[in-house]
Protein backbone atom coordinates (compact mmCIF):
# COMPACT_ATOMS: atom_id res chain seq x y z
CA MET A 1 -2.11 -101.46 90.72
CA LYS A 2 0.82 -100.96 93.02
CA TYR A 3 4.11 -102.71 92.21
CA PHE A 4 7.50 -103.31 93.79
CA ILE A 5 10.06 -104.03 91.06
CA VAL A 6 13.56 -105.42 91.69
CA SER A 7 16.47 -105.36 89.25
CA GLY A 8 20.10 -105.69 90.29
CA GLU A 9 22.21 -104.94 87.20
CA ALA A 10 22.44 -102.46 84.31
CA SER A 11 20.80 -104.70 81.70
CA GLY A 12 18.00 -105.60 84.09
CA ASP A 13 17.45 -101.93 84.86
CA MET A 14 16.97 -101.18 81.15
CA HIS A 15 14.52 -104.04 80.63
CA ALA A 16 12.67 -103.24 83.85
CA ALA A 17 12.29 -99.60 82.77
CA ASN A 18 10.78 -100.64 79.44
CA LEU A 19 8.39 -102.96 81.25
CA VAL A 20 7.29 -100.19 83.61
CA GLN A 21 6.62 -97.92 80.63
CA GLU A 22 4.43 -100.57 78.99
CA ILE A 23 2.52 -101.34 82.21
CA ARG A 24 1.78 -97.64 82.60
CA ALA A 25 0.46 -97.58 79.02
CA LEU A 26 -2.13 -100.15 80.14
CA ASP A 27 -2.74 -98.64 83.58
CA ALA A 28 -2.18 -94.91 83.99
CA ASN A 29 -2.67 -95.24 87.74
CA ALA A 30 0.05 -97.86 88.22
CA SER A 31 2.62 -96.90 90.85
CA PHE A 32 6.07 -98.35 91.42
CA ASP A 33 8.58 -98.64 94.22
CA GLY A 34 11.71 -100.67 93.67
CA TRP A 35 15.41 -101.36 93.52
CA GLY A 36 17.11 -100.36 90.28
CA GLY A 37 19.17 -97.81 88.43
CA ASP A 38 18.94 -94.59 86.50
CA GLN A 39 16.60 -95.93 83.83
CA LEU A 40 13.99 -97.10 86.31
CA ASP A 41 14.39 -93.78 88.08
CA ALA A 42 13.73 -91.97 84.79
CA GLN A 43 10.45 -93.88 84.50
CA GLY A 44 9.32 -92.42 87.80
CA VAL A 45 9.96 -95.48 89.96
CA ASN A 46 10.58 -94.61 93.60
CA ILE A 47 14.08 -96.07 93.88
CA LYS A 48 14.69 -97.49 97.35
CA LYS A 49 18.22 -98.72 96.59
CA HIS A 50 20.45 -98.12 93.55
CA ILE A 51 22.04 -100.98 91.56
CA LYS A 52 25.51 -99.45 91.90
CA ASP A 53 25.48 -100.78 95.47
CA LEU A 54 24.41 -104.30 94.51
CA ALA A 55 26.70 -105.82 91.87
CA PHE A 56 29.13 -108.46 93.15
CA MET A 57 30.97 -110.66 90.64
CA GLY A 58 32.02 -114.24 91.31
CA PHE A 59 31.86 -116.59 94.28
CA LYS A 60 34.69 -114.89 96.16
CA GLN A 61 33.05 -111.47 95.99
CA VAL A 62 29.74 -112.86 97.21
CA ILE A 63 31.46 -114.47 100.21
CA LEU A 64 33.43 -111.30 101.03
CA ASN A 65 30.26 -109.20 100.86
CA LEU A 66 27.96 -111.68 102.59
CA ARG A 67 27.21 -109.34 105.47
CA THR A 68 26.17 -106.58 103.05
CA ILE A 69 23.99 -109.00 101.05
CA LEU A 70 22.23 -110.25 104.18
CA GLY A 71 21.68 -106.67 105.25
CA ASN A 72 20.13 -105.95 101.86
CA PHE A 73 17.63 -108.77 102.37
CA LYS A 74 16.52 -107.37 105.68
CA LEU A 75 16.20 -103.90 104.17
CA ILE A 76 14.14 -104.93 101.15
CA LYS A 77 11.80 -107.09 103.20
CA ASN A 78 11.01 -104.11 105.42
CA GLN A 79 10.52 -101.86 102.39
CA ILE A 80 8.14 -104.28 100.67
CA THR A 81 6.14 -104.83 103.83
CA GLU A 82 5.79 -101.08 104.24
CA ALA A 83 4.86 -100.52 100.56
CA GLU A 84 2.15 -103.24 100.51
CA PRO A 85 2.30 -103.79 96.72
CA ASP A 86 -0.29 -105.73 94.74
CA ALA A 87 2.55 -107.59 93.04
CA ILE A 88 6.32 -107.93 93.18
CA ILE A 89 8.11 -108.04 89.82
CA LEU A 90 11.55 -109.64 89.92
CA VAL A 91 13.80 -108.93 86.92
CA ASP A 92 16.67 -111.38 86.31
CA TYR A 93 19.32 -111.18 89.13
CA PRO A 94 18.48 -114.73 90.34
CA GLY A 95 20.96 -115.13 93.20
CA PHE A 96 19.15 -112.40 95.09
CA ASN A 97 15.68 -112.49 93.55
CA LEU A 98 14.98 -116.19 94.07
CA ARG A 99 15.67 -115.87 97.79
CA LEU A 100 13.42 -112.82 97.85
CA ALA A 101 10.71 -114.75 95.97
CA LYS A 102 10.68 -117.44 98.66
CA TRP A 103 10.05 -114.86 101.38
CA ALA A 104 7.53 -112.89 99.32
CA LYS A 105 5.46 -115.96 98.47
CA ALA A 106 5.38 -117.01 102.13
CA GLU A 107 4.15 -113.51 103.01
CA GLY A 108 1.27 -113.80 100.55
CA PHE A 109 2.49 -111.43 97.82
CA SER A 110 1.94 -112.11 94.12
CA VAL A 111 5.38 -112.87 92.66
CA ILE A 112 6.07 -112.32 88.95
CA TYR A 113 9.47 -113.24 87.53
CA TYR A 114 10.50 -111.48 84.30
CA ILE A 115 13.60 -112.81 82.51
CA ALA A 116 13.76 -116.33 83.84
CA PRO A 117 16.95 -117.52 85.61
CA GLN A 118 19.26 -119.49 83.32
CA ALA A 119 18.59 -122.81 85.05
CA TRP A 120 19.38 -124.56 81.76
CA ALA A 121 23.03 -123.51 82.23
CA TRP A 122 23.54 -124.30 85.90
CA LYS A 123 21.69 -124.68 89.19
CA GLU A 124 18.82 -126.69 87.70
CA ASN A 125 17.36 -126.90 91.20
CA ARG A 126 16.17 -123.35 90.58
CA VAL A 127 13.34 -124.84 88.51
CA GLU A 128 11.77 -126.27 91.67
CA LYS A 129 12.19 -122.95 93.41
CA LEU A 130 10.48 -121.16 90.54
CA LYS A 131 7.58 -123.63 90.77
CA ALA A 132 7.22 -123.07 94.49
CA TYR A 133 7.85 -119.34 94.81
CA THR A 134 6.52 -117.62 91.67
CA ASP A 135 3.02 -117.06 90.35
CA LYS A 136 4.02 -116.04 86.83
CA LEU A 137 7.24 -116.74 84.92
CA LEU A 138 8.21 -114.97 81.70
CA CYS A 139 11.19 -116.08 79.61
CA ILE A 140 13.03 -114.27 76.82
CA LEU A 141 15.09 -116.90 74.97
CA PRO A 142 13.45 -119.18 72.38
CA PHE A 143 14.68 -122.48 73.83
CA GLU A 144 13.72 -121.62 77.42
CA LYS A 145 9.99 -122.24 77.02
CA LYS A 146 10.49 -125.92 76.13
CA PHE A 147 13.12 -126.35 78.84
CA PHE A 148 10.83 -125.10 81.59
CA GLU A 149 7.74 -126.85 80.24
CA ASP A 150 9.63 -130.15 80.07
CA LYS A 151 10.34 -129.65 83.78
CA GLY A 152 6.62 -129.19 84.48
CA LEU A 153 6.67 -125.42 84.87
CA ALA A 154 4.15 -123.11 83.21
CA VAL A 155 5.96 -120.28 81.42
CA ASP A 156 5.21 -117.52 78.92
CA TYR A 157 7.71 -116.72 76.16
CA VAL A 158 7.71 -113.02 75.24
CA GLY A 159 10.86 -112.69 73.09
CA HIS A 160 14.06 -110.84 73.90
CA PRO A 161 13.67 -107.22 75.09
CA LEU A 162 17.01 -106.24 73.55
CA LEU A 163 15.33 -106.25 70.14
CA GLU A 164 13.40 -103.15 71.24
CA GLN A 165 16.64 -101.25 71.78
CA ILE A 166 18.27 -101.94 68.43
CA SER A 167 18.06 -99.21 65.84
CA LYS A 168 16.95 -100.43 62.41
CA GLN A 169 18.91 -97.64 60.72
CA ASP A 170 21.98 -98.79 58.79
CA ILE A 171 24.77 -96.62 60.20
CA PRO A 172 28.15 -96.87 58.44
CA THR A 173 30.85 -98.37 60.62
CA GLN A 174 34.00 -96.44 61.44
CA ASP A 175 37.57 -97.42 62.24
CA VAL A 176 36.59 -98.12 65.83
CA ILE A 177 37.10 -101.20 67.99
CA ALA A 178 34.54 -101.27 70.78
CA LEU A 179 35.68 -102.57 74.17
CA LEU A 180 32.83 -103.80 76.35
CA PRO A 181 34.53 -104.97 79.56
CA GLY A 182 31.35 -105.41 81.61
CA SER A 183 29.17 -103.52 84.06
CA ARG A 184 30.82 -104.48 87.37
CA ARG A 185 34.03 -103.09 88.80
CA GLU A 186 35.55 -106.55 89.14
CA GLU A 187 34.79 -107.37 85.50
CA VAL A 188 36.34 -104.17 84.21
CA GLN A 189 39.49 -104.66 86.28
CA ALA A 190 39.87 -108.25 85.09
CA MET A 191 38.98 -107.84 81.42
CA LEU A 192 40.04 -104.38 80.28
CA PRO A 193 43.83 -104.77 80.71
CA CYS A 194 43.69 -107.90 78.53
CA MET A 195 41.65 -106.14 75.85
CA LEU A 196 43.96 -103.15 75.74
CA GLU A 197 47.08 -105.26 75.12
CA VAL A 198 46.31 -105.42 71.39
CA ILE A 199 46.33 -101.66 70.73
CA GLU A 200 49.79 -101.57 69.16
CA ASP A 201 48.88 -104.37 66.74
CA PHE A 202 46.12 -102.27 65.18
CA PRO A 203 47.55 -98.76 64.62
CA ASP A 204 44.81 -97.71 62.18
CA TYR A 205 42.00 -98.08 64.71
CA LYS A 206 40.64 -96.15 67.67
CA PHE A 207 39.67 -98.16 70.74
CA LYS A 208 36.60 -96.95 72.62
CA ILE A 209 35.64 -98.30 76.05
CA ALA A 210 31.95 -98.47 76.93
CA GLN A 211 31.46 -96.88 80.33
CA SER A 212 29.20 -98.83 82.67
CA PRO A 213 26.43 -96.71 84.23
CA ASN A 214 27.41 -98.33 87.54
CA LEU A 215 30.96 -96.91 87.49
CA SER A 216 32.37 -93.39 87.67
CA LEU A 217 34.67 -91.76 85.13
CA ALA A 218 37.49 -91.88 87.68
CA GLU A 219 37.45 -95.69 87.65
CA TYR A 220 38.47 -95.68 83.98
CA ALA A 221 41.12 -92.96 84.22
CA TYR A 222 44.03 -95.41 84.32
CA PHE A 223 42.91 -97.11 81.10
CA VAL A 224 42.53 -94.07 78.82
CA SER A 225 46.07 -92.69 78.89
CA HIS A 226 46.85 -93.95 75.38
CA GLU A 227 46.12 -91.45 72.59
CA ARG A 228 44.02 -93.98 70.65
CA VAL A 229 41.92 -95.05 73.63
CA GLN A 230 38.78 -93.13 74.53
CA LEU A 231 36.03 -93.60 77.09
CA HIS A 232 32.58 -93.69 75.49
CA THR A 233 30.11 -92.20 77.97
CA THR A 234 26.86 -92.00 76.00
CA GLY A 235 25.70 -95.61 76.07
CA MET A 236 26.74 -98.92 74.60
CA SER A 237 24.23 -98.72 71.76
CA THR A 238 25.73 -95.57 70.24
CA LEU A 239 29.19 -97.11 70.46
CA LEU A 240 28.09 -100.30 68.71
CA SER A 241 26.45 -98.22 66.00
CA GLU A 242 29.88 -97.01 64.87
CA ALA A 243 32.10 -99.99 65.73
CA LYS A 244 33.71 -102.23 63.13
CA ALA A 245 34.46 -104.98 65.67
CA ALA A 246 34.16 -105.53 69.41
CA LEU A 247 35.82 -107.29 72.33
CA VAL A 248 33.00 -108.21 74.67
CA THR A 249 32.85 -109.64 78.18
CA SER A 250 30.51 -112.63 78.26
CA GLY A 251 26.94 -111.73 79.16
CA THR A 252 23.93 -109.98 77.64
CA ALA A 253 26.28 -107.60 75.80
CA THR A 254 27.28 -110.43 73.44
CA LEU A 255 23.72 -110.62 72.14
CA GLU A 256 23.36 -106.86 71.86
CA THR A 257 26.62 -106.69 69.90
CA ALA A 258 25.32 -109.31 67.47
CA LEU A 259 22.03 -107.50 67.00
CA TYR A 260 24.02 -104.40 66.00
CA ASN A 261 25.75 -106.62 63.42
CA VAL A 262 29.20 -106.05 64.93
CA PRO A 263 31.65 -108.98 64.67
CA GLN A 264 32.96 -109.81 68.12
CA ILE A 265 35.28 -111.83 70.29
CA VAL A 266 33.73 -113.00 73.56
CA CYS A 267 36.07 -112.65 76.54
CA TYR A 268 35.92 -114.05 80.03
CA LYS A 269 38.41 -114.20 82.88
CA SER A 270 37.78 -114.54 86.61
CA GLY A 271 39.70 -115.41 89.73
CA PHE A 272 41.15 -118.91 89.97
CA LEU A 273 38.69 -120.11 92.63
CA SER A 274 35.62 -118.75 90.85
CA TYR A 275 36.69 -120.29 87.57
CA GLN A 276 37.42 -123.72 89.08
CA ILE A 277 34.00 -123.79 90.73
CA ALA A 278 32.18 -122.50 87.64
CA LYS A 279 33.67 -124.96 85.18
CA ARG A 280 32.54 -127.86 87.37
CA ILE A 281 28.92 -126.80 87.64
CA ILE A 282 28.13 -125.00 84.37
CA LYS A 283 26.93 -127.57 81.85
CA ILE A 284 26.56 -125.63 78.61
CA PRO A 285 28.84 -125.89 75.55
CA TYR A 286 29.26 -122.11 75.10
CA ILE A 287 29.27 -119.01 77.31
CA SER A 288 27.89 -116.51 74.80
CA LEU A 289 24.17 -116.19 74.07
CA VAL A 290 24.87 -115.91 70.34
CA ASN A 291 26.44 -119.38 70.21
CA LEU A 292 23.91 -120.88 72.62
CA ILE A 293 20.90 -119.68 70.64
CA LEU A 294 22.31 -120.78 67.28
CA LYS A 295 23.76 -124.00 68.78
CA LYS A 296 27.14 -123.55 67.09
CA GLU A 297 30.30 -121.48 67.45
CA VAL A 298 29.49 -118.31 65.54
CA VAL A 299 31.72 -116.04 67.61
CA ARG A 300 35.08 -116.99 69.11
CA GLU A 301 35.16 -117.41 72.89
CA LEU A 302 38.44 -116.76 74.70
CA ILE A 303 38.17 -118.01 78.27
CA GLN A 304 40.63 -117.75 81.17
CA SER A 305 44.17 -118.61 79.95
CA GLU A 306 43.07 -118.40 76.30
CA LEU A 307 42.35 -114.72 76.84
CA ASN A 308 45.79 -113.31 76.01
CA LYS A 309 47.35 -110.83 73.61
CA PHE A 310 48.42 -113.44 71.06
CA ASN A 311 44.94 -114.98 70.67
CA LEU A 312 43.14 -111.65 70.79
CA SER A 313 45.34 -110.19 68.07
CA ILE A 314 44.86 -113.16 65.74
CA GLU A 315 41.11 -113.33 66.23
CA LEU A 316 40.63 -109.58 65.88
CA SER A 317 42.57 -109.61 62.60
CA LEU A 318 40.18 -112.29 61.34
CA LEU A 319 37.15 -110.25 62.41
CA LEU A 320 38.38 -107.25 60.48
CA GLY A 321 39.09 -109.40 57.43
CA GLU A 322 38.07 -112.81 56.18
CA LYS A 323 35.64 -113.85 58.95
CA ARG A 324 33.58 -110.65 58.94
CA HIS A 325 31.07 -111.65 56.26
CA GLU A 326 30.58 -115.17 57.67
CA ILE A 327 29.79 -113.87 61.14
CA GLN A 328 27.34 -111.27 59.87
CA GLN A 329 25.52 -113.91 57.81
CA ASN A 330 25.08 -115.94 61.00
CA TYR A 331 23.80 -112.82 62.76
CA LYS A 332 20.97 -112.68 60.20
CA GLN A 333 19.99 -116.19 61.23
CA LEU A 334 20.05 -115.10 64.88
CA GLN A 335 17.66 -112.24 64.12
CA GLU A 336 15.27 -114.66 62.41
CA VAL A 337 15.28 -116.99 65.41
CA LEU A 338 14.60 -114.17 67.89
CA GLY A 339 11.77 -112.66 65.83
CA ASP A 340 10.07 -109.31 66.46
CA GLY A 341 10.95 -106.94 69.28
CA ASP A 342 7.88 -106.39 71.43
CA ALA A 343 8.83 -108.29 74.57
CA SER A 344 8.02 -105.49 77.03
CA SER A 345 4.51 -104.91 75.69
CA LYS A 346 3.80 -108.66 75.65
CA ALA A 347 5.09 -109.02 79.21
CA ALA A 348 3.08 -106.04 80.42
CA LEU A 349 -0.12 -107.44 78.92
CA ILE A 350 0.46 -110.89 80.45
CA ILE A 351 1.12 -109.34 83.86
CA SER A 352 -1.89 -107.05 83.65
CA ASP A 353 -4.26 -109.83 82.56
CA TYR A 354 -2.96 -112.14 85.29
CA LEU A 355 -3.46 -109.60 88.05
CA LYS A 356 -6.96 -108.71 86.82
CA LYS A 357 -7.94 -112.39 87.01
CA THR A 358 -6.52 -112.86 90.50
CA ARG A 359 -7.87 -109.68 92.07
């Protein structure tokens, strides 16, 4: 089989790479073109465009880069037409991938969507688009299957692929506070200065910043001038393996942090316009996946004006002390809800079986 796979962010690149590996285990002759990052490239995917050129955060950034985004659509349509794949696999990245799905379906391509868009949080009209433009939908969160089925959409639940990445080895924590400011330049610039304000309140700890694979070392140079601040360049997982606590920008990283059993504070701050729009259309009670999955506030969320030195310092003190055990007990419950970690192999088998039946 010949595939064109599309991921637009670092987390999607990781999950897409694992999926490619599992598809190849079922079909040694499978070939892949696509848009992605270093991890897809390492799996031998012919990368047509790198994710470092794709990530735009917030409504304002999308508007400012609209010409680039429209140009990307034209480019990828030409590349897919030239590649003539048997199937297109879209991985997360819904703002772009749903528009691409509409075109691909109209052109007669088989469209498989892995990591369903979070229509349960906002833009519920995406459900109708998924019905119309996709042939196979795979979701990764336990409550998503019922949500989509209640809307009349057939969906397969495969479990969360992050579970495949988490080491089962119990590694002793160190006196390290992990700072996970996000994967996009705009996120890092908005979140990292806030996170770093608490350094002087915790003199016995080192603060290590997780470098995004999308950003160069030079883009962090301003933030690592303090003697107790270091840039961690070897992956978020190795940093979480040694961290005692973490300050985490809202997103998939909140779940990964929990699976590494690291108590965390979830942080989010955006531009005024983006925030005002988002708070009017997002209809969920929490912004972190940990709280959403467990349906209660397990980890503290500091959003917009609440994200300040005073609140961060208080909450971090609690994480390092009296709240630590309580949070980690809730993390055990999270692990039980998510189950075993074989999402990529399940997804690969579903995709392979579907394509065999339709060919």
